[in-house]
Amino acid sequence: MMSTSTISKFVIFAVVALSLSACGGRGSGIFGGGGSGIGGNNERRENTPEGFARDYDSAADVAAAERGDTIWDLFRNNDDPNVTLEVNKYLWNASLDVLNFMPIQAADPFTGTISLGYGRPQGGGAAYRATVYITDPALDARSLRVSLQGAGGRAVGIETQRAVEDAILSRARQLRIRDTKL
C-alpha cells in the first residue's frame, strides 16, 4: 500500500508531465525537433522584440498577432454597426408564422432578408410571393418592409401589403408578450 506522500508526489509528477507535454505543439518534444523533416513542423517562427521566438501555425495566427488580437477580444463587442445588423427575433419569427403558407426560398438573418416563393393563403384564390426586410433590431413598424407580388409578378395593392405588415407586427407583439410572461 502506498503512503499519502508517495501518492501526492505521483500526482504532482503526472500534472507536471502533462503540462509540459501540452506545451509541446506539433512535431516538437523529445523526438520532433524543428524544421520540415520527418516529424518536424512547418510553423513560422518570428523573434519578438523581447528576444523570444514565437511560433505561428497559420497565416491567420500571424494576422491576429499583427493586429494585437487576444483571446479576450472574443468577449468584447467590437462589431462595426455598419457591417453587422441585429435582427429583431420577434419580427423574424412573426414573419415566418404569418407567411407560413409560402415556401421559404432564402433566409439570411445577418441581412434581415426572407425570400418566400409563391403560395396561396388558406381560403384565398390568388397566389402571392413575398420578400421581407427587417432593417432594425427594434420592434417597430419602421423596422419591417414587406414586398408582395401576385401571380405573374404583378404588384399587389398597397392595402394588401399594409394588411400583411400589420398582421406580422401584431404577431410579433404577441410573441413578445408571451416571452415576458415566462
N, C-alpha and C. Protein backbone atom coordinates (compact mmCIF):
# COMPACT_ATOMS: atom_id res chain seq x y z
N MET A 1 0.84 -1.17 0.00
CA MET A 1 0.00 0.00 0.00
C MET A 1 0.89 1.24 0.00
N MET A 2 0.50 2.22 -0.83
CA MET A 2 1.33 3.42 -0.96
C MET A 2 0.91 4.45 0.07
N SER A 3 1.88 5.22 0.52
CA SER A 3 1.59 6.25 1.51
C SER A 3 1.01 7.49 0.82
N THR A 4 0.47 8.38 1.62
CA THR A 4 -0.13 9.61 1.10
C THR A 4 0.91 10.49 0.42
N SER A 5 2.12 10.56 0.98
CA SER A 5 3.16 11.39 0.37
C SER A 5 3.60 10.82 -0.98
N THR A 6 3.63 9.50 -1.12
CA THR A 6 4.00 8.88 -2.39
C THR A 6 2.94 9.15 -3.45
N ILE A 7 1.69 9.07 -3.04
CA ILE A 7 0.59 9.34 -3.97
C ILE A 7 0.62 10.80 -4.41
N SER A 8 0.85 11.72 -3.45
CA SER A 8 0.88 13.14 -3.81
C SER A 8 2.05 13.45 -4.73
N LYS A 9 3.22 12.80 -4.51
CA LYS A 9 4.36 13.00 -5.41
C LYS A 9 4.04 12.50 -6.81
N PHE A 10 3.36 11.36 -6.89
CA PHE A 10 2.98 10.80 -8.18
C PHE A 10 2.02 11.73 -8.91
N VAL A 11 1.04 12.27 -8.19
CA VAL A 11 0.07 13.19 -8.79
C VAL A 11 0.77 14.45 -9.28
N ILE A 12 1.68 15.00 -8.49
CA ILE A 12 2.41 16.20 -8.89
C ILE A 12 3.25 15.91 -10.14
N PHE A 13 3.93 14.77 -10.16
CA PHE A 13 4.74 14.40 -11.32
C PHE A 13 3.86 14.26 -12.56
N ALA A 14 2.69 13.64 -12.43
CA ALA A 14 1.79 13.46 -13.56
C ALA A 14 1.29 14.80 -14.09
N VAL A 15 0.95 15.72 -13.18
CA VAL A 15 0.47 17.03 -13.58
C VAL A 15 1.56 17.80 -14.32
N VAL A 16 2.78 17.77 -13.81
CA VAL A 16 3.89 18.46 -14.46
C VAL A 16 4.18 17.85 -15.82
N ALA A 17 4.16 16.52 -15.92
CA ALA A 17 4.42 15.85 -17.20
C ALA A 17 3.34 16.20 -18.23
N LEU A 18 2.09 16.20 -17.80
CA LEU A 18 1.02 16.56 -18.73
C LEU A 18 1.11 18.02 -19.13
N SER A 19 1.47 18.89 -18.20
CA SER A 19 1.60 20.32 -18.52
C SER A 19 2.70 20.54 -19.55
N LEU A 20 3.81 19.87 -19.35
CA LEU A 20 4.92 20.04 -20.30
C LEU A 20 4.60 19.44 -21.65
N SER A 21 3.90 18.33 -21.68
CA SER A 21 3.56 17.73 -22.97
C SER A 21 2.54 18.59 -23.71
N ALA A 22 1.68 19.31 -22.99
CA ALA A 22 0.71 20.19 -23.64
C ALA A 22 1.39 21.42 -24.24
N CYS A 23 2.53 21.78 -23.74
CA CYS A 23 3.24 22.95 -24.26
C CYS A 23 4.00 22.65 -25.54
N GLY A 24 4.11 21.40 -25.89
CA GLY A 24 4.98 21.00 -26.98
C GLY A 24 4.57 21.47 -28.35
N GLY A 25 3.34 21.37 -28.75
CA GLY A 25 2.95 21.70 -30.11
C GLY A 25 3.24 20.55 -31.05
N ARG A 26 2.91 20.74 -32.31
CA ARG A 26 3.09 19.68 -33.28
C ARG A 26 4.56 19.50 -33.63
N GLY A 27 5.00 18.27 -33.59
CA GLY A 27 6.34 17.96 -34.05
C GLY A 27 7.44 18.35 -33.09
N SER A 28 7.15 18.97 -32.00
CA SER A 28 8.20 19.32 -31.06
C SER A 28 8.21 18.30 -29.94
N GLY A 29 9.10 18.42 -29.06
CA GLY A 29 9.19 17.49 -27.96
C GLY A 29 10.48 16.70 -28.07
N ILE A 30 10.51 15.53 -27.48
CA ILE A 30 11.72 14.73 -27.41
C ILE A 30 12.18 14.30 -28.81
N PHE A 31 11.26 13.79 -29.62
CA PHE A 31 11.63 13.23 -30.91
C PHE A 31 11.45 14.20 -32.07
N GLY A 32 10.66 15.25 -31.90
CA GLY A 32 10.22 16.06 -33.02
C GLY A 32 11.22 17.05 -33.53
N GLY A 33 11.82 17.87 -32.76
CA GLY A 33 12.72 18.89 -33.26
C GLY A 33 12.07 19.81 -34.25
N GLY A 34 12.74 20.88 -34.63
CA GLY A 34 12.18 21.84 -35.58
C GLY A 34 12.45 21.42 -37.00
N GLY A 35 12.20 22.32 -37.92
CA GLY A 35 12.46 22.05 -39.32
C GLY A 35 11.29 21.36 -39.98
N SER A 36 11.47 21.06 -41.25
CA SER A 36 10.38 20.45 -42.00
C SER A 36 10.68 19.01 -42.36
N GLY A 37 11.61 18.37 -41.67
CA GLY A 37 11.92 16.98 -41.95
C GLY A 37 10.89 16.06 -41.35
N ILE A 38 11.22 14.80 -41.24
CA ILE A 38 10.30 13.81 -40.70
C ILE A 38 10.04 14.14 -39.24
N GLY A 39 8.78 14.25 -38.90
CA GLY A 39 8.41 14.54 -37.51
C GLY A 39 8.55 16.01 -37.17
N GLY A 40 9.04 16.82 -38.09
CA GLY A 40 9.20 18.25 -37.82
C GLY A 40 7.91 18.99 -38.06
N ASN A 41 7.96 20.28 -37.90
CA ASN A 41 6.77 21.08 -38.16
C ASN A 41 7.09 22.15 -39.18
N ASN A 42 6.08 22.65 -39.81
CA ASN A 42 6.24 23.67 -40.83
C ASN A 42 5.73 25.01 -40.32
N GLU A 43 5.95 25.29 -39.08
CA GLU A 43 5.45 26.52 -38.47
C GLU A 43 6.38 27.67 -38.80
N ARG A 44 5.84 28.86 -38.78
CA ARG A 44 6.63 30.05 -38.99
C ARG A 44 7.14 30.53 -37.64
N ARG A 45 8.41 30.85 -37.55
CA ARG A 45 9.00 31.37 -36.30
C ARG A 45 9.34 32.83 -36.50
N GLU A 46 9.13 33.58 -35.48
CA GLU A 46 9.43 35.01 -35.53
C GLU A 46 10.01 35.42 -34.19
N ASN A 47 11.02 36.26 -34.22
CA ASN A 47 11.60 36.77 -32.99
C ASN A 47 10.85 38.01 -32.55
N THR A 48 10.52 38.07 -31.27
CA THR A 48 9.81 39.21 -30.72
C THR A 48 10.82 40.24 -30.27
N PRO A 49 10.39 41.48 -30.00
CA PRO A 49 11.33 42.50 -29.52
C PRO A 49 12.00 42.10 -28.21
N GLU A 50 11.36 41.23 -27.43
CA GLU A 50 11.95 40.80 -26.16
C GLU A 50 13.03 39.74 -26.37
N GLY A 51 13.20 39.26 -27.60
CA GLY A 51 14.22 38.27 -27.89
C GLY A 51 13.73 36.84 -27.83
N PHE A 52 12.44 36.63 -27.62
CA PHE A 52 11.89 35.29 -27.57
C PHE A 52 11.39 34.89 -28.95
N ALA A 53 11.45 33.61 -29.24
CA ALA A 53 10.92 33.11 -30.51
C ALA A 53 9.45 32.78 -30.34
N ARG A 54 8.65 33.13 -31.34
CA ARG A 54 7.21 32.85 -31.30
C ARG A 54 6.86 32.02 -32.51
N ASP A 55 6.07 30.95 -32.29
CA ASP A 55 5.64 30.07 -33.38
C ASP A 55 4.24 30.44 -33.82
N TYR A 56 3.99 30.36 -35.13
CA TYR A 56 2.67 30.60 -35.69
C TYR A 56 2.26 29.38 -36.51
N ASP A 57 1.04 28.91 -36.29
CA ASP A 57 0.57 27.73 -37.03
C ASP A 57 0.02 28.09 -38.40
N SER A 58 -0.50 29.30 -38.59
CA SER A 58 -1.11 29.62 -39.87
C SER A 58 -1.00 31.12 -40.14
N ALA A 59 -1.39 31.49 -41.35
CA ALA A 59 -1.38 32.90 -41.72
C ALA A 59 -2.40 33.67 -40.89
N ALA A 60 -3.50 33.02 -40.47
CA ALA A 60 -4.50 33.69 -39.64
C ALA A 60 -3.90 34.05 -38.29
N ASP A 61 -3.04 33.17 -37.74
CA ASP A 61 -2.39 33.47 -36.47
C ASP A 61 -1.44 34.66 -36.62
N VAL A 62 -0.75 34.73 -37.75
CA VAL A 62 0.16 35.84 -38.00
C VAL A 62 -0.63 37.15 -38.08
N ALA A 63 -1.75 37.13 -38.82
CA ALA A 63 -2.56 38.34 -38.96
C ALA A 63 -3.14 38.76 -37.62
N ALA A 64 -3.59 37.81 -36.82
CA ALA A 64 -4.15 38.12 -35.50
C ALA A 64 -3.08 38.72 -34.60
N ALA A 65 -1.86 38.19 -34.67
CA ALA A 65 -0.77 38.72 -33.85
C ALA A 65 -0.40 40.14 -34.28
N GLU A 66 -0.42 40.39 -35.60
CA GLU A 66 -0.09 41.73 -36.08
C GLU A 66 -1.14 42.75 -35.67
N ARG A 67 -2.42 42.33 -35.61
CA ARG A 67 -3.48 43.23 -35.17
C ARG A 67 -3.48 43.40 -33.66
N GLY A 68 -2.83 42.51 -32.94
CA GLY A 68 -2.82 42.58 -31.49
C GLY A 68 -4.04 41.91 -30.88
N ASP A 69 -4.65 40.96 -31.59
CA ASP A 69 -5.82 40.26 -31.07
C ASP A 69 -5.43 39.35 -29.92
N THR A 70 -6.32 39.22 -28.97
CA THR A 70 -6.12 38.31 -27.86
C THR A 70 -7.35 37.45 -27.69
N ILE A 71 -7.27 36.49 -26.82
CA ILE A 71 -8.42 35.62 -26.54
C ILE A 71 -9.57 36.43 -25.93
N TRP A 72 -9.26 37.51 -25.26
CA TRP A 72 -10.29 38.31 -24.59
C TRP A 72 -11.11 39.13 -25.57
N ASP A 73 -10.62 39.29 -26.80
CA ASP A 73 -11.39 40.01 -27.82
C ASP A 73 -12.67 39.26 -28.19
N LEU A 74 -12.71 37.96 -27.95
CA LEU A 74 -13.92 37.20 -28.22
C LEU A 74 -15.08 37.63 -27.35
N PHE A 75 -14.78 38.16 -26.17
CA PHE A 75 -15.81 38.52 -25.21
C PHE A 75 -16.18 40.00 -25.26
N ARG A 76 -15.53 40.75 -26.12
CA ARG A 76 -15.84 42.17 -26.27
C ARG A 76 -16.78 42.36 -27.45
N ASN A 77 -17.57 43.42 -27.41
CA ASN A 77 -18.47 43.73 -28.51
C ASN A 77 -17.79 44.78 -29.39
N ASN A 78 -16.91 44.31 -30.27
CA ASN A 78 -16.16 45.21 -31.16
C ASN A 78 -16.72 45.21 -32.57
N ASP A 79 -17.96 44.79 -32.73
CA ASP A 79 -18.55 44.72 -34.06
C ASP A 79 -18.82 46.12 -34.60
N ASP A 80 -18.55 46.29 -35.87
CA ASP A 80 -18.82 47.54 -36.54
C ASP A 80 -20.31 47.59 -36.87
N PRO A 81 -21.06 48.56 -36.36
CA PRO A 81 -22.50 48.58 -36.62
C PRO A 81 -22.83 48.82 -38.09
N ASN A 82 -21.88 49.30 -38.88
CA ASN A 82 -22.12 49.48 -40.31
C ASN A 82 -22.01 48.16 -41.07
N VAL A 83 -21.39 47.16 -40.45
CA VAL A 83 -21.20 45.88 -41.11
C VAL A 83 -22.20 44.84 -40.59
N THR A 84 -22.44 44.85 -39.30
CA THR A 84 -23.35 43.85 -38.72
C THR A 84 -24.73 44.47 -38.51
N LEU A 85 -25.74 43.63 -38.59
CA LEU A 85 -27.11 44.07 -38.39
C LEU A 85 -27.77 43.13 -37.42
N GLU A 86 -28.35 43.68 -36.40
CA GLU A 86 -29.11 42.86 -35.48
C GLU A 86 -30.55 42.84 -35.95
N VAL A 87 -31.13 41.65 -35.97
CA VAL A 87 -32.49 41.47 -36.45
C VAL A 87 -33.39 41.20 -35.26
N ASN A 88 -34.54 41.84 -35.25
CA ASN A 88 -35.50 41.62 -34.18
C ASN A 88 -36.05 40.21 -34.31
N LYS A 89 -35.87 39.40 -33.28
CA LYS A 89 -36.28 38.00 -33.36
C LYS A 89 -37.80 37.85 -33.42
N TYR A 90 -38.52 38.77 -32.81
CA TYR A 90 -39.98 38.69 -32.84
C TYR A 90 -40.52 38.98 -34.24
N LEU A 91 -39.95 39.98 -34.91
CA LEU A 91 -40.36 40.26 -36.29
C LEU A 91 -39.99 39.10 -37.21
N TRP A 92 -38.83 38.53 -36.99
CA TRP A 92 -38.38 37.40 -37.81
C TRP A 92 -39.34 36.22 -37.67
N ASN A 93 -39.61 35.83 -36.42
CA ASN A 93 -40.48 34.68 -36.18
C ASN A 93 -41.92 34.96 -36.60
N ALA A 94 -42.38 36.19 -36.38
CA ALA A 94 -43.75 36.54 -36.78
C ALA A 94 -43.89 36.51 -38.30
N SER A 95 -42.87 36.93 -39.02
CA SER A 95 -42.92 36.88 -40.48
C SER A 95 -43.05 35.44 -40.96
N LEU A 96 -42.30 34.56 -40.35
CA LEU A 96 -42.38 33.15 -40.73
C LEU A 96 -43.73 32.55 -40.33
N ASP A 97 -44.30 32.99 -39.20
CA ASP A 97 -45.61 32.49 -38.77
C ASP A 97 -46.73 32.95 -39.69
N VAL A 98 -46.75 34.25 -39.98
CA VAL A 98 -47.85 34.81 -40.77
C VAL A 98 -47.79 34.33 -42.22
N LEU A 99 -46.60 34.22 -42.76
CA LEU A 99 -46.45 33.83 -44.17
C LEU A 99 -46.08 32.35 -44.30
N ASN A 100 -46.58 31.52 -43.39
CA ASN A 100 -46.21 30.11 -43.38
C ASN A 100 -46.80 29.33 -44.56
N PHE A 101 -47.72 29.91 -45.29
CA PHE A 101 -48.28 29.23 -46.46
C PHE A 101 -47.38 29.36 -47.69
N MET A 102 -46.33 30.18 -47.58
CA MET A 102 -45.39 30.35 -48.69
C MET A 102 -44.12 29.56 -48.40
N PRO A 103 -43.56 28.92 -49.41
CA PRO A 103 -42.30 28.19 -49.19
C PRO A 103 -41.12 29.17 -49.06
N ILE A 104 -40.24 28.88 -48.14
CA ILE A 104 -39.06 29.72 -47.94
C ILE A 104 -38.05 29.38 -49.03
N GLN A 105 -37.63 30.41 -49.77
CA GLN A 105 -36.61 30.21 -50.81
C GLN A 105 -35.23 30.56 -50.28
N ALA A 106 -35.14 31.62 -49.50
CA ALA A 106 -33.87 32.04 -48.91
C ALA A 106 -34.15 32.83 -47.66
N ALA A 107 -33.30 32.64 -46.66
CA ALA A 107 -33.42 33.40 -45.41
C ALA A 107 -32.02 33.72 -44.93
N ASP A 108 -31.77 34.99 -44.69
CA ASP A 108 -30.46 35.43 -44.23
C ASP A 108 -30.65 36.30 -42.99
N PRO A 109 -30.42 35.74 -41.80
CA PRO A 109 -30.63 36.52 -40.58
C PRO A 109 -29.59 37.63 -40.39
N PHE A 110 -28.47 37.57 -41.11
CA PHE A 110 -27.45 38.60 -40.97
C PHE A 110 -27.84 39.88 -41.70
N THR A 111 -28.57 39.76 -42.80
CA THR A 111 -29.03 40.94 -43.52
C THR A 111 -30.49 41.24 -43.24
N GLY A 112 -31.19 40.32 -42.57
CA GLY A 112 -32.59 40.53 -42.24
C GLY A 112 -33.52 40.33 -43.41
N THR A 113 -33.19 39.43 -44.32
CA THR A 113 -33.98 39.21 -45.53
C THR A 113 -34.56 37.80 -45.55
N ILE A 114 -35.85 37.71 -45.84
CA ILE A 114 -36.51 36.43 -46.03
C ILE A 114 -37.19 36.48 -47.40
N SER A 115 -36.83 35.56 -48.30
CA SER A 115 -37.47 35.47 -49.62
C SER A 115 -38.38 34.26 -49.61
N LEU A 116 -39.63 34.48 -49.97
CA LEU A 116 -40.63 33.43 -49.96
C LEU A 116 -41.17 33.24 -51.37
N GLY A 117 -41.41 31.98 -51.74
CA GLY A 117 -41.93 31.66 -53.07
C GLY A 117 -43.44 31.78 -53.13
N TYR A 118 -43.99 31.45 -54.28
CA TYR A 118 -45.43 31.56 -54.49
C TYR A 118 -46.19 30.57 -53.61
N GLY A 119 -47.25 31.07 -52.99
CA GLY A 119 -48.12 30.24 -52.17
C GLY A 119 -49.50 30.87 -52.08
N ARG A 120 -50.50 30.04 -51.85
CA ARG A 120 -51.89 30.51 -51.72
C ARG A 120 -52.29 30.48 -50.25
N PRO A 121 -52.81 31.61 -49.75
CA PRO A 121 -53.30 31.61 -48.37
C PRO A 121 -54.53 30.73 -48.27
N GLN A 122 -54.75 30.20 -47.08
CA GLN A 122 -55.91 29.34 -46.88
C GLN A 122 -57.19 30.14 -47.08
N GLY A 123 -58.04 29.66 -47.95
CA GLY A 123 -59.29 30.35 -48.24
C GLY A 123 -59.16 31.45 -49.28
N GLY A 124 -57.95 31.66 -49.80
CA GLY A 124 -57.72 32.69 -50.82
C GLY A 124 -57.56 32.06 -52.19
N GLY A 125 -57.83 32.84 -53.22
CA GLY A 125 -57.73 32.30 -54.56
C GLY A 125 -56.43 32.65 -55.25
N ALA A 126 -55.85 33.79 -54.93
CA ALA A 126 -54.66 34.26 -55.64
C ALA A 126 -53.40 33.75 -54.95
N ALA A 127 -52.36 33.52 -55.76
CA ALA A 127 -51.06 33.12 -55.24
C ALA A 127 -50.18 34.36 -55.10
N TYR A 128 -49.40 34.38 -54.04
CA TYR A 128 -48.51 35.51 -53.77
C TYR A 128 -47.10 34.99 -53.51
N ARG A 129 -46.14 35.88 -53.70
CA ARG A 129 -44.79 35.65 -53.22
C ARG A 129 -44.37 36.92 -52.50
N ALA A 130 -43.41 36.79 -51.57
CA ALA A 130 -43.06 37.93 -50.74
C ALA A 130 -41.57 37.96 -50.46
N THR A 131 -41.10 39.16 -50.18
CA THR A 131 -39.77 39.37 -49.64
C THR A 131 -39.93 40.26 -48.41
N VAL A 132 -39.38 39.81 -47.29
CA VAL A 132 -39.49 40.54 -46.03
C VAL A 132 -38.11 41.10 -45.69
N TYR A 133 -38.05 42.38 -45.38
CA TYR A 133 -36.82 43.05 -44.96
C TYR A 133 -37.01 43.52 -43.53
N ILE A 134 -36.17 43.07 -42.63
CA ILE A 134 -36.16 43.55 -41.26
C ILE A 134 -34.90 44.39 -41.12
N THR A 135 -35.08 45.69 -40.97
CA THR A 135 -33.96 46.62 -41.09
C THR A 135 -33.42 47.14 -39.77
N ASP A 136 -34.03 46.78 -38.65
CA ASP A 136 -33.63 47.36 -37.38
C ASP A 136 -33.93 46.36 -36.26
N PRO A 137 -33.19 46.40 -35.16
CA PRO A 137 -33.48 45.48 -34.07
C PRO A 137 -34.70 45.89 -33.23
N ALA A 138 -35.27 47.04 -33.49
CA ALA A 138 -36.42 47.50 -32.71
C ALA A 138 -37.70 46.82 -33.20
N LEU A 139 -38.61 46.59 -32.27
CA LEU A 139 -39.93 46.05 -32.62
C LEU A 139 -40.80 47.25 -32.95
N ASP A 140 -40.71 47.65 -34.22
CA ASP A 140 -41.33 48.89 -34.67
C ASP A 140 -41.77 48.72 -36.13
N ALA A 141 -42.79 49.45 -36.53
CA ALA A 141 -43.28 49.36 -37.91
C ALA A 141 -42.21 49.83 -38.89
N ARG A 142 -41.35 50.75 -38.48
CA ARG A 142 -40.29 51.23 -39.38
C ARG A 142 -39.22 50.18 -39.62
N SER A 143 -39.17 49.15 -38.78
CA SER A 143 -38.17 48.09 -38.91
C SER A 143 -38.56 47.03 -39.92
N LEU A 144 -39.79 47.06 -40.40
CA LEU A 144 -40.31 46.00 -41.24
C LEU A 144 -40.75 46.54 -42.59
N ARG A 145 -40.29 45.88 -43.66
CA ARG A 145 -40.76 46.18 -45.01
C ARG A 145 -41.11 44.88 -45.69
N VAL A 146 -42.30 44.83 -46.26
CA VAL A 146 -42.77 43.64 -46.95
C VAL A 146 -43.05 44.01 -48.40
N SER A 147 -42.53 43.22 -49.31
CA SER A 147 -42.78 43.40 -50.73
C SER A 147 -43.56 42.18 -51.20
N LEU A 148 -44.79 42.42 -51.72
CA LEU A 148 -45.64 41.34 -52.19
C LEU A 148 -45.82 41.43 -53.70
N GLN A 149 -45.88 40.28 -54.33
CA GLN A 149 -46.17 40.20 -55.76
C GLN A 149 -47.22 39.13 -55.98
N GLY A 150 -48.10 39.39 -56.91
CA GLY A 150 -49.10 38.41 -57.29
C GLY A 150 -48.58 37.50 -58.38
N ALA A 151 -49.44 36.63 -58.87
CA ALA A 151 -49.05 35.72 -59.94
C ALA A 151 -48.63 36.51 -61.17
N GLY A 152 -47.57 36.09 -61.81
CA GLY A 152 -47.08 36.78 -62.99
C GLY A 152 -46.21 37.98 -62.65
N GLY A 153 -45.88 38.20 -61.38
CA GLY A 153 -45.01 39.30 -60.99
C GLY A 153 -45.70 40.65 -60.85
N ARG A 154 -47.05 40.67 -60.90
CA ARG A 154 -47.78 41.94 -60.76
C ARG A 154 -47.70 42.43 -59.32
N ALA A 155 -47.61 43.72 -59.18
CA ALA A 155 -47.58 44.32 -57.84
C ALA A 155 -48.94 44.16 -57.17
N VAL A 156 -48.91 43.97 -55.87
CA VAL A 156 -50.13 43.81 -55.09
C VAL A 156 -50.53 45.18 -54.55
N GLY A 157 -51.81 45.39 -54.36
CA GLY A 157 -52.30 46.67 -53.85
C GLY A 157 -51.70 47.02 -52.49
N ILE A 158 -51.59 48.32 -52.25
CA ILE A 158 -50.98 48.80 -51.01
C ILE A 158 -51.78 48.37 -49.78
N GLU A 159 -53.11 48.21 -49.94
CA GLU A 159 -53.93 47.78 -48.80
C GLU A 159 -53.57 46.36 -48.37
N THR A 160 -53.37 45.50 -49.34
CA THR A 160 -52.99 44.12 -49.04
C THR A 160 -51.62 44.06 -48.38
N GLN A 161 -50.69 44.86 -48.91
CA GLN A 161 -49.34 44.90 -48.35
C GLN A 161 -49.38 45.40 -46.91
N ARG A 162 -50.14 46.47 -46.64
CA ARG A 162 -50.27 47.01 -45.28
C ARG A 162 -50.93 46.00 -44.35
N ALA A 163 -51.91 45.24 -44.86
CA ALA A 163 -52.58 44.24 -44.03
C ALA A 163 -51.61 43.14 -43.61
N VAL A 164 -50.73 42.73 -44.53
CA VAL A 164 -49.73 41.71 -44.19
C VAL A 164 -48.73 42.27 -43.18
N GLU A 165 -48.27 43.50 -43.37
CA GLU A 165 -47.35 44.11 -42.42
C GLU A 165 -47.99 44.24 -41.04
N ASP A 166 -49.26 44.65 -40.99
CA ASP A 166 -49.96 44.76 -39.71
C ASP A 166 -50.11 43.40 -39.03
N ALA A 167 -50.39 42.37 -39.81
CA ALA A 167 -50.51 41.02 -39.25
C ALA A 167 -49.18 40.56 -38.66
N ILE A 168 -48.07 40.86 -39.35
CA ILE A 168 -46.75 40.48 -38.84
C ILE A 168 -46.44 41.25 -37.57
N LEU A 169 -46.71 42.56 -37.55
CA LEU A 169 -46.44 43.36 -36.35
C LEU A 169 -47.29 42.89 -35.17
N SER A 170 -48.56 42.57 -35.41
CA SER A 170 -49.43 42.08 -34.34
C SER A 170 -48.91 40.76 -33.78
N ARG A 171 -48.51 39.86 -34.67
CA ARG A 171 -47.99 38.57 -34.22
C ARG A 171 -46.68 38.75 -33.46
N ALA A 172 -45.82 39.68 -33.89
CA ALA A 172 -44.57 39.94 -33.20
C ALA A 172 -44.83 40.46 -31.78
N ARG A 173 -45.81 41.32 -31.63
CA ARG A 173 -46.16 41.83 -30.30
C ARG A 173 -46.70 40.71 -29.41
N GLN A 174 -47.48 39.81 -30.01
CA GLN A 174 -47.99 38.66 -29.25
C GLN A 174 -46.84 37.78 -28.77
N LEU A 175 -45.87 37.53 -29.64
CA LEU A 175 -44.72 36.71 -29.26
C LEU A 175 -43.91 37.37 -28.15
N ARG A 176 -43.76 38.68 -28.23
CA ARG A 176 -43.00 39.40 -27.20
C ARG A 176 -43.74 39.35 -25.86
N ILE A 177 -45.05 39.53 -25.87
CA ILE A 177 -45.82 39.47 -24.63
C ILE A 177 -45.75 38.06 -24.04
N ARG A 178 -45.82 37.06 -24.90
CA ARG A 178 -45.72 35.68 -24.42
C ARG A 178 -44.36 35.42 -23.74
N ASP A 179 -43.29 35.99 -24.29
CA ASP A 179 -41.97 35.80 -23.70
C ASP A 179 -41.81 36.52 -22.38
N THR A 180 -42.45 37.66 -22.20
CA THR A 180 -42.32 38.41 -20.94
C THR A 180 -43.11 37.76 -19.82
N LYS A 181 -44.07 36.91 -20.14
CA LYS A 181 -44.86 36.25 -19.11
C LYS A 181 -44.18 35.00 -18.57
N LEU A 182 -43.07 34.61 -19.15
CA LEU A 182 -42.37 33.42 -18.66
C LEU A 182 -41.80 33.71 -17.35
